[in-house]
Each structure stands twice: as structure tokens, then as C-alpha cells.
């Protein structure tokens, strides 16, 4: 499975759209085949294209010595790169066999850092209802704890050094076709397909690296 920290960016742009780890209709009725098709093939592909284009611009500017468009390209790397990385994790964070609640070391750490699973979930759901982009469960290697983040767009409200463990996309394109303005229903549906095994794997990689 692909994790955020496993996506290496080479010197020259060659980011590629990863395939979905399941069929386009596999998450129905939580997420429709139509939404997954649009979201993956169009939206995620757009971030991949934007990242590659920005990388090419930066390389050309370094070679030519003309940095007039570099500021914009740097911003596009941040926006599109974060969109690419988070979407890659988002697809892995869901499964047709998902649902239930976390277990094992991740469950224990959630209870330690948030007081209870219910305390974590309530806070995460609030992040998902207020963010204009993403709700993230991350591991903070400085404080050595799990945190919830409400991230606008793909990169506003992020925490330096934090490693995403669980990502929920709450941009309107992720739910409006299926749920209209009822984002809360989409958040509930996400928990019906959440892949806790993948989240556990991402958590263990973070802990093994930093603790």
C-alpha cells in the first residue's frame, strides 16, 4: 500500500496518478462510482498535472536564470503536491471491507492522546465539518503524539513535520453529487468504509521512524 511518506519526488517531474486500490463502484453506497471516477480520474489527475507543470517551470527557470514565474510555480508545487499526496492516502484510507473501529496499537494511542476513541472521533468530525479541504489525523513527531488537524485547501493549517495517518477529503467535489449540502452524512459514510488497517500501518511507520 502507498503511504504519504513513500511517495518520493525525483529531481525532475514524473509524478503519476496511482490507480485506485479497488473498483470504482466498490465503495457504494457510501461513495458512488460516478464520484470516484470524477474525483480520481479528473481531480486527482489535475493535481498530478499541476505538480509536474510547476516542477518543469522551476527547472526551466533555474536553467534560464529568469525567475519571473518562480513564485507562482513554488505555490503550485505546494498546492498540487499536497493535493496529490493527500489524495493518494485518502484512497488507501478506504476499503470495501472497511468500517468498525481501530484496534491494536493505534487504538491504544488514540485513547492515550485523546482520552477515548469517542473523544477523538468527535474532534475529528468537528474538523471535518469546519475545514475547507481536509480533516487529518496526524502523528506529530515533535510532541510525539497524535493530533487532529482541520486543513483548508490542501496545505493551509498543516503542521510542520507531522505525518498523516488518516485523511478525509471534505472538498465539495468529494460529496456534493452523492449528498448535496449534507456533509455530515458524507462524514458518517466515510466511517462505514474507513480502512483502519492502513491507518494502523501509517501510524506504525511514523512511530518506528521517530520514537
N, C-alpha and C. Protein backbone atom coordinates (compact mmCIF):
# COMPACT_ATOMS: atom_id res chain seq x y z
N UNK A 1 0.84 -1.20 0.00
CA UNK A 1 0.00 0.00 0.00
C UNK A 1 0.87 1.25 0.00
N UNK A 2 0.36 2.31 -0.59
CA UNK A 2 1.12 3.53 -0.74
C UNK A 2 0.80 4.47 0.41
N UNK A 3 1.82 4.93 1.12
CA UNK A 3 1.65 5.91 2.16
C UNK A 3 2.23 7.24 1.71
N UNK A 4 1.87 8.31 2.42
CA UNK A 4 2.33 9.63 2.02
C UNK A 4 3.85 9.69 2.00
N UNK A 5 4.51 9.11 3.03
CA UNK A 5 5.94 9.23 3.11
C UNK A 5 6.66 8.35 2.10
N UNK A 6 5.91 7.47 1.40
CA UNK A 6 6.53 6.59 0.42
C UNK A 6 6.54 7.20 -0.98
N UNK A 7 5.90 8.36 -1.16
CA UNK A 7 5.86 8.99 -2.47
C UNK A 7 7.11 9.85 -2.61
N UNK A 8 8.10 9.39 -3.34
CA UNK A 8 9.34 10.13 -3.49
C UNK A 8 9.24 11.05 -4.69
N UNK A 9 9.74 12.26 -4.53
CA UNK A 9 9.74 13.22 -5.62
C UNK A 9 11.14 13.32 -6.20
N UNK A 10 11.36 12.84 -7.41
CA UNK A 10 12.68 12.89 -8.01
C UNK A 10 13.03 14.31 -8.43
N UNK A 11 14.27 14.48 -8.92
CA UNK A 11 14.73 15.81 -9.30
C UNK A 11 13.89 16.38 -10.42
N UNK A 12 13.53 15.56 -11.37
CA UNK A 12 12.70 16.01 -12.48
C UNK A 12 11.28 15.48 -12.29
N UNK A 13 10.32 16.23 -12.79
CA UNK A 13 8.92 15.90 -12.53
C UNK A 13 8.51 14.63 -13.26
N UNK A 14 7.99 13.68 -12.51
CA UNK A 14 7.41 12.49 -13.12
C UNK A 14 6.34 11.91 -12.20
N UNK A 15 5.65 12.78 -11.47
CA UNK A 15 4.55 12.31 -10.63
C UNK A 15 3.51 11.63 -11.49
N UNK A 16 2.95 10.55 -11.00
CA UNK A 16 1.95 9.80 -11.74
C UNK A 16 0.73 9.54 -10.87
N UNK A 17 -0.42 9.44 -11.51
CA UNK A 17 -1.65 9.13 -10.81
C UNK A 17 -1.65 7.66 -10.41
N UNK A 18 -1.73 7.35 -9.12
CA UNK A 18 -1.78 5.94 -8.73
C UNK A 18 -3.17 5.36 -9.01
N UNK A 19 -3.25 4.10 -9.35
CA UNK A 19 -4.58 3.51 -9.56
C UNK A 19 -5.32 3.38 -8.25
N UNK A 20 -6.64 3.38 -8.33
CA UNK A 20 -7.43 3.10 -7.14
C UNK A 20 -7.13 1.68 -6.66
N UNK A 21 -7.11 1.45 -5.36
CA UNK A 21 -6.84 0.11 -4.85
C UNK A 21 -8.08 -0.79 -4.85
N UNK A 22 -9.15 -0.37 -5.52
CA UNK A 22 -10.39 -1.13 -5.60
C UNK A 22 -11.15 -0.65 -6.83
N UNK A 23 -12.22 -1.31 -7.19
CA UNK A 23 -13.02 -0.90 -8.33
C UNK A 23 -13.75 0.41 -8.04
N UNK A 24 -14.13 1.11 -9.09
CA UNK A 24 -14.77 2.41 -8.92
C UNK A 24 -16.12 2.31 -8.20
N UNK A 25 -16.78 1.18 -8.30
CA UNK A 25 -18.08 1.03 -7.63
C UNK A 25 -17.97 0.30 -6.29
N UNK A 26 -16.76 0.05 -5.83
CA UNK A 26 -16.56 -0.81 -4.67
C UNK A 26 -16.99 -0.17 -3.35
N UNK A 27 -17.07 1.15 -3.30
CA UNK A 27 -17.41 1.83 -2.05
C UNK A 27 -18.88 2.23 -1.98
N UNK A 28 -19.67 1.83 -2.98
CA UNK A 28 -21.10 2.13 -2.92
C UNK A 28 -21.76 1.35 -1.78
N UNK A 29 -22.76 1.92 -1.10
CA UNK A 29 -23.40 3.21 -1.38
C UNK A 29 -22.74 4.41 -0.71
N UNK A 30 -21.64 4.18 0.04
CA UNK A 30 -21.02 5.31 0.74
C UNK A 30 -20.52 6.37 -0.23
N UNK A 31 -19.85 5.93 -1.28
CA UNK A 31 -19.36 6.84 -2.32
C UNK A 31 -19.69 6.20 -3.67
N UNK A 32 -20.35 6.94 -4.52
CA UNK A 32 -20.83 6.37 -5.78
C UNK A 32 -19.69 6.17 -6.77
N UNK A 33 -19.95 5.29 -7.74
CA UNK A 33 -18.99 5.06 -8.82
C UNK A 33 -18.72 6.35 -9.58
N UNK A 34 -19.76 7.15 -9.81
CA UNK A 34 -19.58 8.40 -10.54
C UNK A 34 -18.64 9.34 -9.81
N UNK A 35 -18.83 9.50 -8.50
CA UNK A 35 -17.98 10.41 -7.74
C UNK A 35 -16.53 9.92 -7.73
N UNK A 36 -16.33 8.62 -7.52
CA UNK A 36 -14.96 8.11 -7.52
C UNK A 36 -14.30 8.30 -8.88
N UNK A 37 -15.05 8.13 -9.93
CA UNK A 37 -14.49 8.31 -11.27
C UNK A 37 -14.07 9.76 -11.48
N UNK A 38 -14.97 10.69 -11.19
CA UNK A 38 -14.64 12.10 -11.32
C UNK A 38 -13.47 12.48 -10.40
N UNK A 39 -13.58 12.07 -9.15
CA UNK A 39 -12.64 12.51 -8.12
C UNK A 39 -11.23 12.00 -8.41
N UNK A 40 -11.14 10.72 -8.76
CA UNK A 40 -9.83 10.14 -9.03
C UNK A 40 -9.30 10.54 -10.40
N UNK A 41 -10.08 10.30 -11.44
CA UNK A 41 -9.57 10.44 -12.80
C UNK A 41 -9.44 11.90 -13.24
N UNK A 42 -10.26 12.78 -12.68
CA UNK A 42 -10.21 14.19 -13.09
C UNK A 42 -9.53 15.07 -12.05
N UNK A 43 -10.05 15.06 -10.82
CA UNK A 43 -9.49 15.95 -9.79
C UNK A 43 -8.08 15.55 -9.40
N UNK A 44 -7.89 14.30 -9.03
CA UNK A 44 -6.55 13.88 -8.61
C UNK A 44 -5.57 14.00 -9.77
N UNK A 45 -5.99 13.63 -10.96
CA UNK A 45 -5.11 13.78 -12.13
C UNK A 45 -4.72 15.24 -12.33
N UNK A 46 -5.64 16.14 -12.03
CA UNK A 46 -5.33 17.56 -12.17
C UNK A 46 -4.21 18.00 -11.24
N UNK A 47 -4.18 17.47 -10.02
CA UNK A 47 -3.11 17.82 -9.10
C UNK A 47 -1.78 17.23 -9.56
N UNK A 48 -1.81 16.03 -10.10
CA UNK A 48 -0.60 15.43 -10.65
C UNK A 48 -0.07 16.28 -11.81
N UNK A 49 -0.97 16.67 -12.71
CA UNK A 49 -0.56 17.51 -13.84
C UNK A 49 -0.02 18.85 -13.37
N UNK A 50 -0.69 19.44 -12.39
CA UNK A 50 -0.26 20.74 -11.88
C UNK A 50 1.10 20.67 -11.21
N UNK A 51 1.35 19.59 -10.49
CA UNK A 51 2.65 19.40 -9.85
C UNK A 51 3.74 19.26 -10.89
N UNK A 52 3.50 18.42 -11.88
CA UNK A 52 4.51 18.22 -12.93
C UNK A 52 4.79 19.52 -13.69
N UNK A 53 3.75 20.27 -14.00
CA UNK A 53 3.92 21.52 -14.72
C UNK A 53 4.73 22.52 -13.90
N UNK A 54 4.44 22.60 -12.60
CA UNK A 54 5.18 23.53 -11.74
C UNK A 54 6.64 23.12 -11.62
N UNK A 55 6.89 21.83 -11.50
CA UNK A 55 8.27 21.34 -11.43
C UNK A 55 9.03 21.68 -12.71
N UNK A 56 8.38 21.53 -13.85
CA UNK A 56 9.01 21.84 -15.13
C UNK A 56 9.33 23.34 -15.22
N UNK A 57 8.40 24.17 -14.74
CA UNK A 57 8.64 25.61 -14.75
C UNK A 57 9.84 25.98 -13.89
N UNK A 58 9.93 25.39 -12.70
CA UNK A 58 11.06 25.68 -11.82
C UNK A 58 12.38 25.27 -12.46
N UNK A 59 12.39 24.09 -13.09
CA UNK A 59 13.62 23.62 -13.74
C UNK A 59 14.02 24.54 -14.89
N UNK A 60 13.04 24.96 -15.68
CA UNK A 60 13.33 25.87 -16.79
C UNK A 60 13.84 27.21 -16.29
N UNK A 61 13.25 27.71 -15.21
CA UNK A 61 13.68 28.99 -14.67
C UNK A 61 15.10 28.93 -14.11
N UNK A 62 15.43 27.82 -13.46
CA UNK A 62 16.79 27.67 -12.94
C UNK A 62 17.80 27.65 -14.09
N UNK A 63 17.43 27.00 -15.17
CA UNK A 63 18.33 26.89 -16.31
C UNK A 63 18.50 28.22 -17.04
N UNK A 64 17.40 28.96 -17.16
CA UNK A 64 17.44 30.22 -17.92
C UNK A 64 17.88 31.41 -17.08
N UNK A 65 17.74 31.31 -15.78
CA UNK A 65 18.04 32.44 -14.91
C UNK A 65 16.92 33.45 -14.83
N UNK A 66 15.79 33.16 -15.45
CA UNK A 66 14.61 34.04 -15.41
C UNK A 66 13.65 33.49 -14.35
N UNK A 67 13.53 34.20 -13.24
CA UNK A 67 12.72 33.72 -12.12
C UNK A 67 11.39 34.46 -11.99
N UNK A 68 10.96 35.08 -13.07
CA UNK A 68 9.75 35.90 -13.01
C UNK A 68 8.51 35.08 -12.66
N UNK A 69 8.46 33.81 -13.04
CA UNK A 69 7.30 32.97 -12.75
C UNK A 69 7.56 31.98 -11.63
N UNK A 70 8.70 32.11 -10.96
CA UNK A 70 9.07 31.13 -9.94
C UNK A 70 8.16 31.18 -8.71
N UNK A 71 7.77 32.38 -8.30
CA UNK A 71 6.92 32.49 -7.12
C UNK A 71 5.62 31.74 -7.28
N UNK A 72 4.99 31.91 -8.43
CA UNK A 72 3.75 31.20 -8.71
C UNK A 72 3.98 29.70 -8.77
N UNK A 73 5.08 29.28 -9.40
CA UNK A 73 5.37 27.85 -9.51
C UNK A 73 5.62 27.22 -8.15
N UNK A 74 6.30 27.94 -7.27
CA UNK A 74 6.53 27.41 -5.92
C UNK A 74 5.21 27.18 -5.20
N UNK A 75 4.29 28.13 -5.32
CA UNK A 75 2.97 27.95 -4.72
C UNK A 75 2.23 26.79 -5.33
N UNK A 76 2.38 26.58 -6.63
CA UNK A 76 1.71 25.46 -7.29
C UNK A 76 2.28 24.12 -6.87
N UNK A 77 3.58 24.07 -6.58
CA UNK A 77 4.17 22.83 -6.06
C UNK A 77 3.53 22.48 -4.72
N UNK A 78 3.43 23.48 -3.85
CA UNK A 78 2.84 23.23 -2.53
C UNK A 78 1.39 22.77 -2.64
N UNK A 79 0.60 23.50 -3.41
CA UNK A 79 -0.82 23.19 -3.52
C UNK A 79 -1.05 21.85 -4.21
N UNK A 80 -0.46 21.68 -5.37
CA UNK A 80 -0.70 20.45 -6.13
C UNK A 80 0.01 19.25 -5.53
N UNK A 81 1.21 19.45 -5.00
CA UNK A 81 1.91 18.35 -4.37
C UNK A 81 1.15 17.84 -3.15
N UNK A 82 0.68 18.76 -2.32
CA UNK A 82 -0.10 18.35 -1.15
C UNK A 82 -1.39 17.66 -1.57
N UNK A 83 -2.04 18.18 -2.62
CA UNK A 83 -3.25 17.54 -3.12
C UNK A 83 -2.98 16.13 -3.61
N UNK A 84 -1.88 15.95 -4.32
CA UNK A 84 -1.50 14.62 -4.81
C UNK A 84 -1.22 13.66 -3.66
N UNK A 85 -0.42 14.09 -2.70
CA UNK A 85 -0.04 13.21 -1.59
C UNK A 85 -1.26 12.82 -0.75
N UNK A 86 -2.10 13.81 -0.43
CA UNK A 86 -3.25 13.53 0.44
C UNK A 86 -4.29 12.67 -0.27
N UNK A 87 -4.51 12.90 -1.55
CA UNK A 87 -5.46 12.05 -2.26
C UNK A 87 -4.96 10.60 -2.33
N UNK A 88 -3.67 10.43 -2.53
CA UNK A 88 -3.11 9.08 -2.57
C UNK A 88 -3.39 8.35 -1.26
N UNK A 89 -3.22 9.06 -0.14
CA UNK A 89 -3.51 8.45 1.16
C UNK A 89 -5.01 8.24 1.34
N UNK A 90 -5.81 9.20 0.89
CA UNK A 90 -7.26 9.11 1.02
C UNK A 90 -7.80 7.83 0.38
N UNK A 91 -7.35 7.52 -0.82
CA UNK A 91 -7.83 6.29 -1.47
C UNK A 91 -7.46 5.06 -0.65
N UNK A 92 -6.25 5.05 -0.11
CA UNK A 92 -5.81 3.91 0.69
C UNK A 92 -6.53 3.83 2.03
N UNK A 93 -6.99 4.98 2.51
CA UNK A 93 -7.67 5.03 3.81
C UNK A 93 -9.10 4.50 3.76
N UNK A 94 -9.54 4.04 2.58
CA UNK A 94 -10.87 3.46 2.45
C UNK A 94 -10.77 2.07 1.85
N UNK A 95 -11.79 1.25 2.14
CA UNK A 95 -11.81 -0.12 1.65
C UNK A 95 -13.24 -0.64 1.64
N UNK A 96 -13.59 -1.49 0.67
CA UNK A 96 -14.92 -2.12 0.69
C UNK A 96 -15.13 -2.97 1.94
N UNK A 97 -14.04 -3.42 2.55
CA UNK A 97 -14.14 -4.20 3.78
C UNK A 97 -13.90 -3.36 5.03
N UNK A 98 -13.95 -2.04 4.87
CA UNK A 98 -13.65 -1.14 5.98
C UNK A 98 -14.81 -0.98 6.93
N UNK A 99 -14.62 -0.04 7.86
CA UNK A 99 -15.63 0.25 8.86
C UNK A 99 -15.18 -0.15 10.25
N UNK A 100 -16.12 -0.31 11.16
CA UNK A 100 -15.85 -0.66 12.56
C UNK A 100 -14.99 0.42 13.21
N UNK A 101 -14.12 0.02 14.14
CA UNK A 101 -13.28 0.96 14.88
C UNK A 101 -11.83 0.48 14.85
N UNK A 102 -10.89 1.36 15.15
CA UNK A 102 -9.49 0.92 15.17
C UNK A 102 -9.23 -0.04 16.32
N UNK A 103 -8.15 -0.79 16.20
CA UNK A 103 -7.76 -1.71 17.24
C UNK A 103 -6.25 -1.66 17.39
N UNK A 104 -5.70 -2.48 18.23
CA UNK A 104 -4.26 -2.59 18.35
C UNK A 104 -3.59 -1.34 18.89
N UNK A 105 -2.35 -1.12 18.43
CA UNK A 105 -1.55 0.00 18.94
C UNK A 105 -2.17 1.35 18.61
N UNK A 106 -2.78 1.47 17.43
CA UNK A 106 -3.38 2.75 17.07
C UNK A 106 -4.54 3.06 18.01
N UNK A 107 -5.36 2.09 18.32
CA UNK A 107 -6.49 2.31 19.25
C UNK A 107 -5.96 2.75 20.62
N UNK A 108 -4.92 2.08 21.07
CA UNK A 108 -4.36 2.44 22.38
C UNK A 108 -3.80 3.86 22.37
N UNK A 109 -3.16 4.24 21.27
CA UNK A 109 -2.57 5.58 21.21
C UNK A 109 -3.66 6.65 21.09
N UNK A 110 -4.71 6.36 20.35
CA UNK A 110 -5.84 7.29 20.28
C UNK A 110 -6.43 7.51 21.67
N UNK A 111 -6.62 6.45 22.40
CA UNK A 111 -7.19 6.58 23.75
C UNK A 111 -6.24 7.33 24.68
N UNK A 112 -4.94 7.11 24.50
CA UNK A 112 -3.96 7.81 25.33
C UNK A 112 -3.92 9.31 25.03
N UNK A 113 -3.94 9.65 23.75
CA UNK A 113 -3.77 11.05 23.36
C UNK A 113 -5.07 11.85 23.35
N UNK A 114 -6.21 11.19 23.19
CA UNK A 114 -7.48 11.90 23.11
C UNK A 114 -8.44 11.56 24.26
N UNK A 115 -8.03 10.66 25.13
CA UNK A 115 -8.86 10.28 26.26
C UNK A 115 -9.75 9.09 25.99
N UNK A 116 -10.24 8.99 24.77
CA UNK A 116 -11.09 7.87 24.37
C UNK A 116 -11.24 7.90 22.86
N UNK A 117 -11.70 6.80 22.28
CA UNK A 117 -11.99 6.79 20.85
C UNK A 117 -13.09 7.78 20.53
N UNK A 118 -14.10 7.84 21.38
CA UNK A 118 -15.21 8.76 21.16
C UNK A 118 -14.73 10.21 21.19
N UNK A 119 -13.79 10.51 22.11
CA UNK A 119 -13.23 11.86 22.17
C UNK A 119 -12.48 12.22 20.91
N UNK A 120 -11.71 11.25 20.39
CA UNK A 120 -11.01 11.51 19.13
C UNK A 120 -12.00 11.71 17.99
N UNK A 121 -13.00 10.80 17.89
CA UNK A 121 -13.92 10.85 16.75
C UNK A 121 -14.72 12.15 16.75
N UNK A 122 -15.17 12.58 17.92
CA UNK A 122 -15.93 13.82 18.00
C UNK A 122 -15.11 15.01 17.52
N UNK A 123 -13.84 15.04 17.89
CA UNK A 123 -12.96 16.12 17.47
C UNK A 123 -12.66 16.04 15.98
N UNK A 124 -12.42 14.83 15.48
CA UNK A 124 -12.13 14.64 14.05
C UNK A 124 -13.34 15.04 13.22
N UNK A 125 -14.52 14.66 13.64
CA UNK A 125 -15.74 15.03 12.90
C UNK A 125 -15.93 16.54 12.89
N UNK A 126 -15.58 17.21 13.99
CA UNK A 126 -15.68 18.67 14.02
C UNK A 126 -14.69 19.27 13.04
N UNK A 127 -13.48 18.73 12.97
CA UNK A 127 -12.51 19.20 11.98
C UNK A 127 -13.06 19.03 10.57
N UNK A 128 -13.73 17.90 10.34
CA UNK A 128 -14.27 17.61 9.00
C UNK A 128 -15.43 18.52 8.64
N UNK A 129 -16.18 19.00 9.61
CA UNK A 129 -17.31 19.88 9.31
C UNK A 129 -16.88 21.33 9.16
N UNK A 130 -15.71 21.70 9.69
CA UNK A 130 -15.27 23.09 9.65
C UNK A 130 -14.20 23.36 8.60
N UNK A 131 -13.44 22.35 8.21
CA UNK A 131 -12.35 22.54 7.26
C UNK A 131 -12.90 22.82 5.86
N UNK A 132 -12.13 23.56 5.09
CA UNK A 132 -12.44 23.76 3.68
C UNK A 132 -11.43 22.99 2.83
N UNK A 133 -11.23 21.75 3.19
CA UNK A 133 -10.26 20.93 2.48
C UNK A 133 -10.18 19.52 3.04
N UNK A 134 -9.51 19.38 4.20
CA UNK A 134 -9.25 18.05 4.73
C UNK A 134 -9.37 18.02 6.25
N UNK A 135 -9.83 16.88 6.76
CA UNK A 135 -9.67 16.53 8.16
C UNK A 135 -8.59 15.46 8.21
N UNK A 136 -7.58 15.69 9.05
CA UNK A 136 -6.45 14.78 9.12
C UNK A 136 -6.19 14.33 10.55
N UNK A 137 -5.93 13.05 10.71
CA UNK A 137 -5.31 12.53 11.92
C UNK A 137 -3.84 12.39 11.59
N UNK A 138 -2.98 13.07 12.34
CA UNK A 138 -1.55 13.05 12.05
C UNK A 138 -0.77 12.64 13.28
N UNK A 139 0.45 12.16 13.03
CA UNK A 139 1.39 11.92 14.12
C UNK A 139 2.37 13.09 14.15
N UNK A 140 2.44 13.77 15.29
CA UNK A 140 3.33 14.91 15.50
C UNK A 140 4.62 14.39 16.11
N UNK A 141 5.73 14.34 15.36
CA UNK A 141 6.96 13.75 15.87
C UNK A 141 7.68 14.64 16.88
N UNK A 142 7.34 15.93 16.94
CA UNK A 142 7.97 16.82 17.91
C UNK A 142 7.36 16.59 19.29
N UNK A 143 6.03 16.65 19.35
CA UNK A 143 5.34 16.40 20.62
C UNK A 143 5.17 14.92 20.91
N UNK A 144 5.44 14.08 19.89
CA UNK A 144 5.29 12.63 19.99
C UNK A 144 3.87 12.26 20.42
N UNK A 145 2.91 12.74 19.64
CA UNK A 145 1.52 12.43 19.91
C UNK A 145 0.70 12.54 18.63
N UNK A 146 -0.48 11.97 18.68
CA UNK A 146 -1.44 12.11 17.59
C UNK A 146 -2.19 13.42 17.75
N UNK A 147 -2.53 14.03 16.61
CA UNK A 147 -3.32 15.26 16.61
C UNK A 147 -4.33 15.21 15.47
N UNK A 148 -5.43 15.92 15.64
CA UNK A 148 -6.37 16.17 14.54
C UNK A 148 -6.09 17.55 13.97
N UNK A 149 -6.16 17.66 12.66
CA UNK A 149 -5.97 18.95 12.00
C UNK A 149 -7.14 19.23 11.07
N UNK A 150 -7.56 20.49 11.02
CA UNK A 150 -8.52 20.96 10.02
C UNK A 150 -7.74 21.77 9.01
N UNK A 151 -7.58 21.25 7.81
CA UNK A 151 -6.73 21.86 6.79
C UNK A 151 -7.59 22.45 5.68
N UNK A 152 -7.39 23.73 5.39
CA UNK A 152 -8.07 24.38 4.27
C UNK A 152 -7.26 24.17 3.00
N UNK A 153 -7.99 24.07 1.88
CA UNK A 153 -7.38 23.72 0.60
C UNK A 153 -6.60 22.40 0.81
N UNK A 154 -5.30 22.37 0.48
CA UNK A 154 -4.50 21.18 0.74
C UNK A 154 -3.37 21.43 1.73
N UNK A 155 -3.12 22.70 2.05
CA UNK A 155 -1.88 23.00 2.77
C UNK A 155 -1.99 24.10 3.81
N UNK A 156 -3.17 24.67 4.01
CA UNK A 156 -3.34 25.75 4.97
C UNK A 156 -3.88 25.19 6.29
N UNK A 157 -3.07 25.26 7.32
CA UNK A 157 -3.43 24.67 8.60
C UNK A 157 -2.68 23.38 8.87
N UNK A 158 -1.72 23.06 7.99
CA UNK A 158 -0.89 21.89 8.21
C UNK A 158 0.10 22.16 9.34
N UNK A 159 0.72 21.12 9.85
CA UNK A 159 1.68 21.23 10.95
C UNK A 159 3.02 20.70 10.45
N UNK A 160 4.05 21.54 10.54
CA UNK A 160 5.37 21.14 10.05
C UNK A 160 5.82 19.83 10.68
N UNK A 161 6.27 18.90 9.85
CA UNK A 161 6.83 17.64 10.33
C UNK A 161 5.82 16.56 10.62
N UNK A 162 4.53 16.92 10.67
CA UNK A 162 3.51 15.93 11.02
C UNK A 162 3.29 14.95 9.87
N UNK A 163 3.03 13.70 10.19
CA UNK A 163 2.83 12.66 9.19
C UNK A 163 1.36 12.22 9.21
N UNK A 164 0.65 12.40 8.11
CA UNK A 164 -0.76 11.99 8.08
C UNK A 164 -0.94 10.48 8.29
N UNK A 165 -1.89 10.15 9.11
CA UNK A 165 -2.25 8.76 9.39
C UNK A 165 -3.59 8.42 8.75
N UNK A 166 -4.52 9.36 8.82
CA UNK A 166 -5.86 9.19 8.27
C UNK A 166 -6.28 10.50 7.62
N UNK A 167 -6.76 10.43 6.38
CA UNK A 167 -7.13 11.64 5.64
C UNK A 167 -8.56 11.52 5.13
N UNK A 168 -9.35 12.56 5.37
CA UNK A 168 -10.72 12.63 4.87
C UNK A 168 -10.86 13.91 4.04
N UNK A 169 -11.13 13.75 2.77
CA UNK A 169 -11.32 14.86 1.85
C UNK A 169 -12.73 15.41 2.02
N UNK A 170 -12.85 16.69 2.40
CA UNK A 170 -14.17 17.31 2.56
C UNK A 170 -14.37 18.48 1.61
N UNK A 171 -13.57 18.54 0.52
CA UNK A 171 -13.91 19.46 -0.56
C UNK A 171 -15.28 19.06 -1.10
N UNK A 172 -16.03 20.02 -1.61
CA UNK A 172 -17.39 19.72 -2.07
C UNK A 172 -17.42 18.67 -3.17
N UNK A 173 -16.38 18.61 -4.01
CA UNK A 173 -16.41 17.63 -5.09
C UNK A 173 -16.35 16.20 -4.59
N UNK A 174 -15.99 16.01 -3.32
CA UNK A 174 -15.91 14.65 -2.78
C UNK A 174 -17.26 14.11 -2.33
N UNK A 175 -18.27 14.99 -2.17
CA UNK A 175 -19.54 14.50 -1.62
C UNK A 175 -20.80 15.13 -2.20
N UNK A 176 -20.70 16.28 -2.89
CA UNK A 176 -21.92 17.01 -3.22
C UNK A 176 -22.82 16.24 -4.18
N UNK A 177 -22.26 15.50 -5.10
CA UNK A 177 -23.08 14.74 -6.05
C UNK A 177 -23.90 13.69 -5.32
N UNK A 178 -23.31 13.06 -4.30
CA UNK A 178 -24.00 11.99 -3.56
C UNK A 178 -24.88 12.53 -2.44
N UNK A 179 -24.46 13.58 -1.77
CA UNK A 179 -25.13 14.00 -0.53
C UNK A 179 -25.64 15.44 -0.56
N UNK A 180 -25.44 16.16 -1.65
CA UNK A 180 -25.83 17.55 -1.65
C UNK A 180 -25.08 18.30 -0.57
N UNK A 181 -25.74 19.23 0.12
CA UNK A 181 -25.05 20.01 1.15
C UNK A 181 -24.86 19.28 2.47
N UNK A 182 -25.31 18.03 2.57
CA UNK A 182 -25.28 17.30 3.84
C UNK A 182 -23.91 16.66 4.06
N UNK A 183 -22.93 17.51 4.36
CA UNK A 183 -21.57 16.99 4.57
C UNK A 183 -21.52 16.00 5.73
N UNK A 184 -22.33 16.21 6.73
CA UNK A 184 -22.34 15.30 7.87
C UNK A 184 -22.69 13.88 7.48
N UNK A 185 -23.60 13.71 6.53
CA UNK A 185 -23.94 12.36 6.06
C UNK A 185 -22.76 11.72 5.35
N UNK A 186 -22.01 12.53 4.61
CA UNK A 186 -20.81 12.01 3.94
C UNK A 186 -19.76 11.58 4.97
N UNK A 187 -19.58 12.37 6.01
CA UNK A 187 -18.62 12.02 7.06
C UNK A 187 -19.02 10.71 7.71
N UNK A 188 -20.31 10.53 7.99
CA UNK A 188 -20.78 9.27 8.55
C UNK A 188 -20.50 8.12 7.59
N UNK A 189 -20.71 8.34 6.30
CA UNK A 189 -20.48 7.30 5.31
C UNK A 189 -19.00 6.93 5.21
N UNK A 190 -18.12 7.91 5.39
CA UNK A 190 -16.68 7.64 5.38
C UNK A 190 -16.32 6.60 6.45
N UNK A 191 -16.94 6.73 7.61
CA UNK A 191 -16.63 5.79 8.69
C UNK A 191 -17.18 4.39 8.42
N UNK A 192 -18.06 4.26 7.45
CA UNK A 192 -18.53 2.94 7.05
C UNK A 192 -17.53 2.21 6.17
N UNK A 193 -16.59 2.95 5.58
CA UNK A 193 -15.61 2.33 4.67
C UNK A 193 -14.17 2.62 5.08
N UNK A 194 -13.96 3.26 6.23
CA UNK A 194 -12.61 3.62 6.64
C UNK A 194 -11.75 2.36 6.81
N UNK A 195 -10.54 2.43 6.31
CA UNK A 195 -9.61 1.30 6.34
C UNK A 195 -8.65 1.47 7.52
N UNK A 196 -9.02 0.93 8.65
CA UNK A 196 -8.20 1.10 9.84
C UNK A 196 -6.88 0.33 9.75
N UNK A 197 -6.84 -0.72 8.97
CA UNK A 197 -5.57 -1.44 8.80
C UNK A 197 -4.52 -0.55 8.16
N UNK A 198 -4.92 0.23 7.15
CA UNK A 198 -3.98 1.15 6.51
C UNK A 198 -3.57 2.27 7.46
N UNK A 199 -4.54 2.80 8.23
CA UNK A 199 -4.20 3.83 9.20
C UNK A 199 -3.23 3.30 10.25
N UNK A 200 -3.44 2.08 10.68
CA UNK A 200 -2.52 1.44 11.64
C UNK A 200 -1.12 1.34 11.04
N UNK A 201 -1.04 0.98 9.76
CA UNK A 201 0.26 0.85 9.09
C UNK A 201 0.96 2.21 9.02
N UNK A 202 0.22 3.25 8.68
CA UNK A 202 0.81 4.59 8.63
C UNK A 202 1.28 5.04 10.01
N UNK A 203 0.50 4.75 11.02
CA UNK A 203 0.89 5.10 12.39
C UNK A 203 2.16 4.38 12.80
N UNK A 204 2.23 3.08 12.54
CA UNK A 204 3.40 2.31 12.94
C UNK A 204 4.66 2.81 12.23
N UNK A 205 4.56 3.17 10.96
CA UNK A 205 5.71 3.70 10.24
C UNK A 205 6.20 4.99 10.88
N UNK A 206 5.27 5.84 11.28
CA UNK A 206 5.64 7.11 11.91
C UNK A 206 6.33 6.87 13.25
N UNK A 207 5.76 6.00 14.07
CA UNK A 207 6.33 5.73 15.37
C UNK A 207 7.68 5.05 15.25
N UNK A 208 7.79 4.08 14.36
CA UNK A 208 9.06 3.38 14.18
C UNK A 208 10.17 4.33 13.75
N UNK A 209 9.80 5.35 12.99
CA UNK A 209 10.81 6.30 12.49
C UNK A 209 11.22 7.32 13.52
N UNK A 210 10.27 7.75 14.36
CA UNK A 210 10.53 8.89 15.23
C UNK A 210 10.66 8.55 16.72
N UNK A 211 10.23 7.38 17.14
CA UNK A 211 10.29 7.07 18.58
C UNK A 211 11.31 5.98 18.86
